[in-house]
């Protein structure tokens, strides 16, 4: 289960659908059960809000 600090990133992944979800799933599967999962989520947390700025701002307003 993702930590609460990744909640908005998870929502963004769900909102954007299959392309981004495949990337996130691959990161999750490759890092499952290890600290690397959280490192992957940290990386997504840095990259995705910039790549999907408008969508991320919408999520933050909710």
Protein backbone atom coordinates (compact mmCIF):
# COMPACT_ATOMS: atom_id res chain seq x y z
CA UNK A 1 0.00 0.00 0.00
CA UNK A 2 1.34 3.41 -0.91
CA UNK A 3 2.15 5.83 1.84
CA UNK A 4 -0.29 8.76 2.25
CA UNK A 5 2.30 11.19 0.89
CA UNK A 6 1.93 9.45 -2.48
CA UNK A 7 -1.87 9.75 -2.52
CA UNK A 8 -2.02 12.57 -5.10
CA UNK A 9 0.52 10.82 -7.32
CA UNK A 10 -1.60 7.66 -7.19
CA UNK A 11 -4.67 9.71 -8.13
CA UNK A 12 -2.79 11.27 -11.04
CA UNK A 13 -1.71 7.83 -12.27
CA UNK A 14 -5.31 6.62 -12.16
CA UNK A 15 -6.58 9.80 -13.85
CA UNK A 16 -4.14 9.57 -16.77
CA UNK A 17 -4.83 5.91 -17.41
CA UNK A 18 -3.01 3.16 -19.23
CA UNK A 19 0.26 4.69 -20.45
CA UNK A 20 1.31 6.12 -17.12
CA UNK A 21 -0.22 3.19 -15.26
CA UNK A 22 1.97 0.74 -17.18
CA UNK A 23 5.07 2.69 -16.13
CA UNK A 24 3.97 2.83 -12.52
CA UNK A 25 3.03 -0.86 -12.53
CA UNK A 26 6.41 -1.82 -13.96
CA UNK A 27 8.17 0.20 -11.27
CA UNK A 28 5.98 -1.37 -8.61
CA UNK A 29 6.49 -4.94 -9.83
CA UNK A 30 10.24 -4.53 -10.20
CA UNK A 31 10.58 -2.98 -6.75
CA UNK A 32 7.82 -4.80 -4.87
CA UNK A 33 8.59 -5.61 -1.29
CA UNK A 34 11.66 -3.43 -1.09
CA UNK A 35 12.72 0.07 -0.26
CA UNK A 36 13.16 0.63 -4.00
CA UNK A 37 9.39 0.90 -4.40
CA UNK A 38 9.42 4.06 -2.30
CA UNK A 39 12.41 5.38 -4.24
CA UNK A 40 10.43 4.79 -7.44
CA UNK A 41 7.43 6.61 -6.01
CA UNK A 42 9.69 9.49 -4.95
CA UNK A 43 10.92 9.72 -8.54
CA UNK A 44 7.38 9.67 -9.91
CA UNK A 45 6.47 12.35 -7.36
CA UNK A 46 9.15 14.60 -8.82
CA UNK A 47 8.46 13.92 -12.50
CA UNK A 48 4.71 13.50 -12.90
CA UNK A 49 3.49 16.77 -11.34
CA UNK A 50 5.66 18.67 -13.81
CA UNK A 51 4.70 16.51 -16.79
CA UNK A 52 0.99 16.75 -15.98
CA UNK A 53 0.93 20.17 -14.37
CA UNK A 54 -2.72 21.07 -15.11
CA UNK A 55 -4.09 17.71 -13.99
CA UNK A 56 -1.99 17.75 -10.82
CA UNK A 57 -3.21 21.26 -9.96
CA UNK A 58 -6.80 20.04 -10.40
CA UNK A 59 -6.16 17.17 -7.98
CA UNK A 60 -4.64 19.50 -5.42
CA UNK A 61 -7.77 21.68 -5.52
CA UNK A 62 -10.02 18.73 -4.66
